[in-house]
Every structure is written in C-alpha cells, then in structure tokens.
PDB file of all heavy atoms in Angstrom:
ATOM      1  N   GLY A   1     110.678  74.924 104.561  1.00  0.00           N
ATOM      2  CA  GLY A   1     111.312  74.093 105.573  1.00  0.00           C
ATOM      3  C   GLY A   1     111.620  74.854 106.843  1.00  0.00           C
ATOM      4  O   GLY A   1     111.488  74.316 107.949  1.00  0.00           O
ATOM      5  N   THR A   2     112.017  76.112 106.705  1.00  0.00           N
ATOM      6  CA  THR A   2     112.311  76.932 107.886  1.00  0.00           C
ATOM      7  C   THR A   2     111.027  77.295 108.610  1.00  0.00           C
ATOM      8  O   THR A   2     110.980  77.320 109.850  1.00  0.00           O
ATOM      9  CB  THR A   2     113.063  78.210 107.477  1.00  0.00           C
ATOM     10  OG1 THR A   2     114.238  77.852 106.745  1.00  0.00           O
ATOM     11  CG2 THR A   2     113.473  79.015 108.701  1.00  0.00           C
ATOM     12  N   ARG A   3     109.953  77.558 107.865  1.00  0.00           N
ATOM     13  CA  ARG A   3     108.668  77.875 108.501  1.00  0.00           C
ATOM     14  C   ARG A   3     108.164  76.706 109.342  1.00  0.00           C
ATOM     15  O   ARG A   3     107.560  76.910 110.402  1.00  0.00           O
ATOM     16  CB  ARG A   3     107.625  78.267 107.453  1.00  0.00           C
ATOM     17  CG  ARG A   3     107.955  79.555 106.718  1.00  0.00           C
ATOM     18  CD  ARG A   3     106.723  80.184 106.104  1.00  0.00           C
ATOM     19  NE  ARG A   3     105.995  79.324 105.198  1.00  0.00           N
ATOM     20  CZ  ARG A   3     106.220  79.204 103.901  1.00  0.00           C
ATOM     21  NH1 ARG A   3     107.206  79.915 103.337  1.00  0.00           N
ATOM     22  NH2 ARG A   3     105.499  78.415 103.157  1.00  0.00           N
ATOM     23  N   THR A   4     108.422  75.478 108.889  1.00  0.00           N
ATOM     24  CA  THR A   4     108.005  74.326 109.688  1.00  0.00           C
ATOM     25  C   THR A   4     108.760  74.279 111.014  1.00  0.00           C
ATOM     26  O   THR A   4     108.196  73.892 112.041  1.00  0.00           O
ATOM     27  CB  THR A   4     108.217  73.000 108.932  1.00  0.00           C
ATOM     28  OG1 THR A   4     109.601  72.794 108.671  1.00  0.00           O
ATOM     29  CG2 THR A   4     107.431  72.980 107.634  1.00  0.00           C
ATOM     30  N   ARG A   5     110.019  74.680 111.006  1.00  0.00           N
ATOM     31  CA  ARG A   5     110.785  74.720 112.263  1.00  0.00           C
ATOM     32  C   ARG A   5     110.263  75.814 113.189  1.00  0.00           C
ATOM     33  O   ARG A   5     110.292  75.669 114.413  1.00  0.00           O
ATOM     34  CB  ARG A   5     112.275  74.924 111.992  1.00  0.00           C
ATOM     35  CG  ARG A   5     113.016  73.638 111.690  1.00  0.00           C
ATOM     36  CD  ARG A   5     114.510  73.861 111.674  1.00  0.00           C
ATOM     37  NE  ARG A   5     114.927  74.659 110.540  1.00  0.00           N
ATOM     38  CZ  ARG A   5     115.909  75.533 110.558  1.00  0.00           C
ATOM     39  NH1 ARG A   5     116.581  75.769 111.673  1.00  0.00           N
ATOM     40  NH2 ARG A   5     116.230  76.205 109.469  1.00  0.00           N
ATOM     41  N   VAL A   6     109.804  76.928 112.607  1.00  0.00           N
ATOM     42  CA  VAL A   6     109.233  78.002 113.422  1.00  0.00           C
ATOM     43  C   VAL A   6     107.969  77.500 114.123  1.00  0.00           C
ATOM     44  O   VAL A   6     107.763  77.747 115.326  1.00  0.00           O
ATOM     45  CB  VAL A   6     108.919  79.238 112.562  1.00  0.00           C
ATOM     46  CG1 VAL A   6     108.200  80.303 113.394  1.00  0.00           C
ATOM     47  CG2 VAL A   6     110.204  79.814 111.955  1.00  0.00           C
ATOM     48  N   GLU A   7     107.120  76.791 113.399  1.00  0.00           N
ATOM     49  CA  GLU A   7     105.916  76.249 114.029  1.00  0.00           C
ATOM     50  C   GLU A   7     106.284  75.242 115.111  1.00  0.00           C
ATOM     51  O   GLU A   7     105.657  75.193 116.177  1.00  0.00           O
ATOM     52  CB  GLU A   7     105.008  75.601 112.988  1.00  0.00           C
ATOM     53  CG  GLU A   7     103.680  75.164 113.587  1.00  0.00           C
ATOM     54  CD  GLU A   7     102.728  74.572 112.576  1.00  0.00           C
ATOM     55  OE1 GLU A   7     103.185  73.832 111.699  1.00  0.00           O
ATOM     56  OE2 GLU A   7     101.524  74.840 112.700  1.00  0.00           O
ATOM     57  N   TYR A   8     107.301  74.436 114.859  1.00  0.00           N
ATOM     58  CA  TYR A   8     107.779  73.472 115.846  1.00  0.00           C
ATOM     59  C   TYR A   8     108.265  74.217 117.095  1.00  0.00           C
ATOM     60  O   TYR A   8     107.973  73.823 118.231  1.00  0.00           O
ATOM     61  CB  TYR A   8     108.918  72.661 115.232  1.00  0.00           C
ATOM     62  CG  TYR A   8     109.199  71.335 115.890  1.00  0.00           C
ATOM     63  CD1 TYR A   8     108.715  70.144 115.339  1.00  0.00           C
ATOM     64  CD2 TYR A   8     109.965  71.250 117.044  1.00  0.00           C
ATOM     65  CE1 TYR A   8     108.986  68.927 115.928  1.00  0.00           C
ATOM     66  CE2 TYR A   8     110.238  70.036 117.644  1.00  0.00           C
ATOM     67  CZ  TYR A   8     109.745  68.874 117.075  1.00  0.00           C
ATOM     68  OH  TYR A   8     110.007  67.669 117.672  1.00  0.00           O
ATOM     69  N   ALA A   9     109.004  75.312 116.880  1.00  0.00           N
ATOM     70  CA  ALA A   9     109.510  76.108 117.998  1.00  0.00           C
ATOM     71  C   ALA A   9     108.364  76.678 118.818  1.00  0.00           C
ATOM     72  O   ALA A   9     108.418  76.711 120.057  1.00  0.00           O
ATOM     73  CB  ALA A   9     110.400  77.235 117.470  1.00  0.00           C
ATOM     74  N   ARG A  10     107.334  77.139 118.149  1.00  0.00           N
ATOM     75  CA  ARG A  10     106.179  77.704 118.859  1.00  0.00           C
ATOM     76  C   ARG A  10     105.510  76.636 119.729  1.00  0.00           C
ATOM     77  O   ARG A  10     105.098  76.919 120.863  1.00  0.00           O
ATOM     78  CB  ARG A  10     105.179  78.289 117.871  1.00  0.00           C
ATOM     79  CG  ARG A  10     104.008  79.003 118.536  1.00  0.00           C
ATOM     80  CD  ARG A  10     103.125  79.680 117.522  1.00  0.00           C
ATOM     81  NE  ARG A  10     102.569  78.747 116.563  1.00  0.00           N
ATOM     82  CZ  ARG A  10     101.893  79.101 115.476  1.00  0.00           C
ATOM     83  NH1 ARG A  10     101.710  80.382 115.210  1.00  0.00           N
ATOM     84  NH2 ARG A  10     101.405  78.199 114.662  1.00  0.00           N
ATOM     85  N   ALA A  11     105.415  75.408 119.214  1.00  0.00           N
ATOM     86  CA  ALA A  11     104.841  74.318 119.999  1.00  0.00           C
ATOM     87  C   ALA A  11     105.706  74.019 121.228  1.00  0.00           C
ATOM     88  O   ALA A  11     105.189  73.782 122.324  1.00  0.00           O
ATOM     89  CB  ALA A  11     104.685  73.074 119.139  1.00  0.00           C
ATOM     90  N   LEU A  12     107.026  74.051 121.071  1.00  0.00           N
ATOM     91  CA  LEU A  12     107.917  73.806 122.205  1.00  0.00           C
ATOM     92  C   LEU A  12     107.828  74.922 123.241  1.00  0.00           C
ATOM     93  O   LEU A  12     108.019  74.687 124.443  1.00  0.00           O
ATOM     94  CB  LEU A  12     109.359  73.668 121.726  1.00  0.00           C
ATOM     95  CG  LEU A  12     109.698  72.412 120.920  1.00  0.00           C
ATOM     96  CD1 LEU A  12     111.168  72.437 120.512  1.00  0.00           C
ATOM     97  CD2 LEU A  12     109.388  71.149 121.721  1.00  0.00           C
ATOM     98  N   ALA A  13     107.532  76.151 122.789  1.00  0.00           N
ATOM     99  CA  ALA A  13     107.402  77.275 123.717  1.00  0.00           C
ATOM    100  C   ALA A  13     106.213  77.110 124.656  1.00  0.00           C
ATOM    101  O   ALA A  13     106.129  77.786 125.680  1.00  0.00           O
ATOM    102  CB  ALA A  13     107.283  78.586 122.946  1.00  0.00           C
ATOM    103  N   MET A  14     105.301  76.203 124.330  1.00  0.00           N
ATOM    104  CA  MET A  14     104.162  75.928 125.211  1.00  0.00           C
ATOM    105  C   MET A  14     104.556  75.092 126.429  1.00  0.00           C
ATOM    106  O   MET A  14     103.704  74.785 127.270  1.00  0.00           O
ATOM    107  CB  MET A  14     103.056  75.205 124.431  1.00  0.00           C
ATOM    108  CG  MET A  14     102.454  76.008 123.303  1.00  0.00           C
ATOM    109  SD  MET A  14     101.213  75.022 122.409  1.00  0.00           S
ATOM    110  CE  MET A  14     100.802  76.156 121.081  1.00  0.00           C
ATOM    111  N   ARG A  15     105.831  74.683 126.490  1.00  0.00           N
ATOM    112  CA  ARG A  15     106.325  73.791 127.549  1.00  0.00           C
ATOM    113  C   ARG A  15     105.504  72.507 127.579  1.00  0.00           C
ATOM    114  O   ARG A  15     104.966  72.102 128.626  1.00  0.00           O
ATOM    115  CB  ARG A  15     106.264  74.467 128.919  1.00  0.00           C
ATOM    116  CG  ARG A  15     107.073  75.735 129.036  1.00  0.00           C
ATOM    117  CD  ARG A  15     106.893  76.361 130.415  1.00  0.00           C
ATOM    118  NE  ARG A  15     107.505  77.678 130.509  1.00  0.00           N
ATOM    119  CZ  ARG A  15     107.266  78.537 131.508  1.00  0.00           C
ATOM    120  NH1 ARG A  15     106.447  78.211 132.484  1.00  0.00           N
ATOM    121  NH2 ARG A  15     107.871  79.721 131.529  1.00  0.00           N
ATOM    122  N   PRO A  16     105.396  71.812 126.451  1.00  0.00           N
ATOM    123  CA  PRO A  16     104.500  70.655 126.399  1.00  0.00           C
ATOM    124  C   PRO A  16     105.058  69.430 127.113  1.00  0.00           C
ATOM    125  O   PRO A  16     106.271  69.207 127.153  1.00  0.00           O
ATOM    126  CB  PRO A  16     104.386  70.386 124.894  1.00  0.00           C
ATOM    127  CG  PRO A  16     105.698  70.828 124.349  1.00  0.00           C
ATOM    128  CD  PRO A  16     106.068  72.048 125.158  1.00  0.00           C
ATOM    129  N   LYS A  17     104.146  68.635 127.651  1.00  0.00           N
ATOM    130  CA  LYS A  17     104.484  67.292 128.095  1.00  0.00           C
ATOM    131  C   LYS A  17     104.468  66.341 126.898  1.00  0.00           C
ATOM    132  O   LYS A  17     105.217  65.372 126.843  1.00  0.00           O
ATOM    133  CB  LYS A  17     103.473  66.809 129.139  1.00  0.00           C
ATOM    134  CG  LYS A  17     103.420  67.646 130.395  1.00  0.00           C
ATOM    135  CD  LYS A  17     102.258  67.214 131.288  1.00  0.00           C
ATOM    136  CE  LYS A  17     102.131  68.120 132.497  1.00  0.00           C
ATOM    137  NZ  LYS A  17     100.953  67.751 133.317  1.00  0.00           N
ATOM    138  N   VAL A  18     103.549  66.632 125.977  1.00  0.00           N
ATOM    139  CA  VAL A  18     103.411  65.833 124.757  1.00  0.00           C
ATOM    140  C   VAL A  18     103.218  66.776 123.585  1.00  0.00           C
ATOM    141  O   VAL A  18     102.547  67.805 123.712  1.00  0.00           O
ATOM    142  CB  VAL A  18     102.225  64.838 124.864  1.00  0.00           C
ATOM    143  CG1 VAL A  18     100.927  65.546 125.169  1.00  0.00           C
ATOM    144  CG2 VAL A  18     102.089  64.015 123.588  1.00  0.00           C
ATOM    145  N   ILE A  19     103.820  66.450 122.460  1.00  0.00           N
ATOM    146  CA  ILE A  19     103.652  67.249 121.263  1.00  0.00           C
ATOM    147  C   ILE A  19     103.005  66.378 120.188  1.00  0.00           C
ATOM    148  O   ILE A  19     103.408  65.235 119.959  1.00  0.00           O
ATOM    149  CB  ILE A  19     104.999  67.834 120.785  1.00  0.00           C
ATOM    150  CG1 ILE A  19     104.800  68.829 119.637  1.00  0.00           C
ATOM    151  CG2 ILE A  19     106.003  66.755 120.414  1.00  0.00           C
ATOM    152  CD1 ILE A  19     106.040  69.644 119.324  1.00  0.00           C
ATOM    153  N   LEU A  20     101.959  66.903 119.566  1.00  0.00           N
ATOM    154  CA  LEU A  20     101.230  66.224 118.501  1.00  0.00           C
ATOM    155  C   LEU A  20     101.733  66.778 117.170  1.00  0.00           C
ATOM    156  O   LEU A  20     101.574  67.963 116.902  1.00  0.00           O
ATOM    157  CB  LEU A  20      99.725  66.465 118.629  1.00  0.00           C
ATOM    158  CG  LEU A  20      99.094  66.273 120.016  1.00  0.00           C
ATOM    159  CD1 LEU A  20      97.594  66.583 119.954  1.00  0.00           C
ATOM    160  CD2 LEU A  20      99.326  64.873 120.535  1.00  0.00           C
ATOM    161  N   LEU A  21     102.327  65.925 116.371  1.00  0.00           N
ATOM    162  CA  LEU A  21     102.902  66.348 115.094  1.00  0.00           C
ATOM    163  C   LEU A  21     102.046  65.795 113.961  1.00  0.00           C
ATOM    164  O   LEU A  21     101.981  64.588 113.748  1.00  0.00           O
ATOM    165  CB  LEU A  21     104.344  65.840 114.959  1.00  0.00           C
ATOM    166  CG  LEU A  21     105.317  66.255 116.073  1.00  0.00           C
ATOM    167  CD1 LEU A  21     106.698  65.637 115.826  1.00  0.00           C
ATOM    168  CD2 LEU A  21     105.419  67.770 116.165  1.00  0.00           C
ATOM    169  N   ASP A  22     101.392  66.690 113.227  1.00  0.00           N
ATOM    170  CA  ASP A  22     100.473  66.296 112.155  1.00  0.00           C
ATOM    171  C   ASP A  22     101.169  66.438 110.812  1.00  0.00           C
ATOM    172  O   ASP A  22     101.345  67.552 110.304  1.00  0.00           O
ATOM    173  CB  ASP A  22      99.216  67.174 112.212  1.00  0.00           C
ATOM    174  CG  ASP A  22      98.105  66.658 111.308  1.00  0.00           C
ATOM    175  OD1 ASP A  22      98.306  65.624 110.636  1.00  0.00           O
ATOM    176  OD2 ASP A  22      97.033  67.287 111.274  1.00  0.00           O
ATOM    177  N   GLU A  23     101.588  65.317 110.230  1.00  0.00           N
ATOM    178  CA  GLU A  23     102.256  65.274 108.927  1.00  0.00           C
ATOM    179  C   GLU A  23     103.438  66.246 108.857  1.00  0.00           C
ATOM    180  O   GLU A  23     103.508  67.087 107.941  1.00  0.00           O
ATOM    181  CB  GLU A  23     101.255  65.598 107.804  1.00  0.00           C
ATOM    182  CG  GLU A  23     100.073  64.650 107.731  1.00  0.00           C
ATOM    183  CD  GLU A  23     100.392  63.343 107.034  1.00  0.00           C
ATOM    184  OE1 GLU A  23     101.561  63.143 106.657  1.00  0.00           O
ATOM    185  OE2 GLU A  23      99.477  62.522 106.882  1.00  0.00           O
ATOM    186  N   PRO A  24     104.382  66.181 109.778  1.00  0.00           N
ATOM    187  CA  PRO A  24     105.471  67.165 109.780  1.00  0.00           C
ATOM    188  C   PRO A  24     106.405  67.065 108.588  1.00  0.00           C
ATOM    189  O   PRO A  24     107.109  68.031 108.280  1.00  0.00           O
ATOM    190  CB  PRO A  24     106.222  66.854 111.085  1.00  0.00           C
ATOM    191  CG  PRO A  24     105.937  65.414 111.341  1.00  0.00           C
ATOM    192  CD  PRO A  24     104.523  65.212 110.891  1.00  0.00           C
ATOM    193  N   ALA A  25     106.437  65.914 107.893  1.00  0.00           N
ATOM    194  CA  ALA A  25     107.331  65.762 106.745  1.00  0.00           C
ATOM    195  C   ALA A  25     106.710  66.224 105.435  1.00  0.00           C
ATOM    196  O   ALA A  25     107.387  66.244 104.402  1.00  0.00           O
ATOM    197  CB  ALA A  25     107.784  64.300 106.609  1.00  0.00           C
ATOM    198  N   ALA A  26     105.428  66.631 105.456  1.00  0.00           N
ATOM    199  CA  ALA A  26     104.754  67.045 104.223  1.00  0.00           C
ATOM    200  C   ALA A  26     105.465  68.249 103.611  1.00  0.00           C
ATOM    201  O   ALA A  26     105.710  69.251 104.271  1.00  0.00           O
ATOM    202  CB  ALA A  26     103.295  67.392 104.512  1.00  0.00           C
ATOM    203  N   GLY A  27     105.817  68.134 102.342  1.00  0.00           N
ATOM    204  CA  GLY A  27     106.448  69.242 101.627  1.00  0.00           C
ATOM    205  C   GLY A  27     107.944  69.355 101.813  1.00  0.00           C
ATOM    206  O   GLY A  27     108.573  70.261 101.246  1.00  0.00           O
ATOM    207  N   LEU A  28     108.545  68.460 102.610  1.00  0.00           N
ATOM    208  CA  LEU A  28     109.989  68.523 102.845  1.00  0.00           C
ATOM    209  C   LEU A  28     110.740  67.646 101.851  1.00  0.00           C
ATOM    210  O   LEU A  28     110.238  66.604 101.412  1.00  0.00           O
ATOM    211  CB  LEU A  28     110.314  68.059 104.275  1.00  0.00           C
ATOM    212  CG  LEU A  28     109.656  68.826 105.435  1.00  0.00           C
ATOM    213  CD1 LEU A  28     110.160  68.274 106.760  1.00  0.00           C
ATOM    214  CD2 LEU A  28     109.932  70.326 105.329  1.00  0.00           C
ATOM    215  N   ASN A  29     111.965  68.058 101.507  1.00  0.00           N
ATOM    216  CA  ASN A  29     112.796  67.217 100.641  1.00  0.00           C
ATOM    217  C   ASN A  29     113.492  66.141 101.473  1.00  0.00           C
ATOM    218  O   ASN A  29     113.350  66.090 102.706  1.00  0.00           O
ATOM    219  CB  ASN A  29     113.810  68.065  99.864  1.00  0.00           C
ATOM    220  CG  ASN A  29     114.766  68.825 100.771  1.00  0.00           C
ATOM    221  OD1 ASN A  29     115.213  68.315 101.806  1.00  0.00           O
ATOM    222  ND2 ASN A  29     115.117  70.049 100.383  1.00  0.00           N
ATOM    223  N   HIS A  30     114.248  65.279 100.797  1.00  0.00           N
ATOM    224  CA  HIS A  30     114.846  64.124 101.466  1.00  0.00           C
ATOM    225  C   HIS A  30     115.748  64.544 102.622  1.00  0.00           C
ATOM    226  O   HIS A  30     115.686  63.963 103.717  1.00  0.00           O
ATOM    227  CB  HIS A  30     115.634  63.295 100.452  1.00  0.00           C
ATOM    228  CG  HIS A  30     116.318  62.103 101.056  1.00  0.00           C
ATOM    229  ND1 HIS A  30     115.639  60.959 101.410  1.00  0.00           N
ATOM    230  CD2 HIS A  30     117.638  61.895 101.394  1.00  0.00           C
ATOM    231  CE1 HIS A  30     116.488  60.093 101.934  1.00  0.00           C
ATOM    232  NE2 HIS A  30     117.699  60.624 101.927  1.00  0.00           N
ATOM    233  N   GLU A  31     116.577  65.541 102.408  1.00  0.00           N
ATOM    234  CA  GLU A  31     117.499  65.985 103.451  1.00  0.00           C
ATOM    235  C   GLU A  31     116.737  66.595 104.626  1.00  0.00           C
ATOM    236  O   GLU A  31     117.070  66.363 105.793  1.00  0.00           O
ATOM    237  CB  GLU A  31     118.488  67.004 102.878  1.00  0.00           C
ATOM    238  CG  GLU A  31     119.482  67.560 103.904  1.00  0.00           C
ATOM    239  CD  GLU A  31     120.322  66.493 104.576  1.00  0.00           C
ATOM    240  OE1 GLU A  31     120.595  65.446 103.933  1.00  0.00           O
ATOM    241  OE2 GLU A  31     120.699  66.680 105.748  1.00  0.00           O
TER     242      GLU A  31
END
C-alpha cells in the first residue's frame, strides 16, 4: 500500500495536468 503511494507521488512530481490511474485499487484492502 505504501509503494502505491510512492508511485502516485512520482506521477505528481511530473507536474501533470492529467494523471492516468491504471487499476490503483488493485491489491489494496478495504481501508
């Protein structure tokens, strides 16, 4: 779960206008 946030952070570091999220909930628990 923390690694997914790291990848998300890396995408935000690109200063995106749009972010493409490919199955971001895969492997995550309910919380």
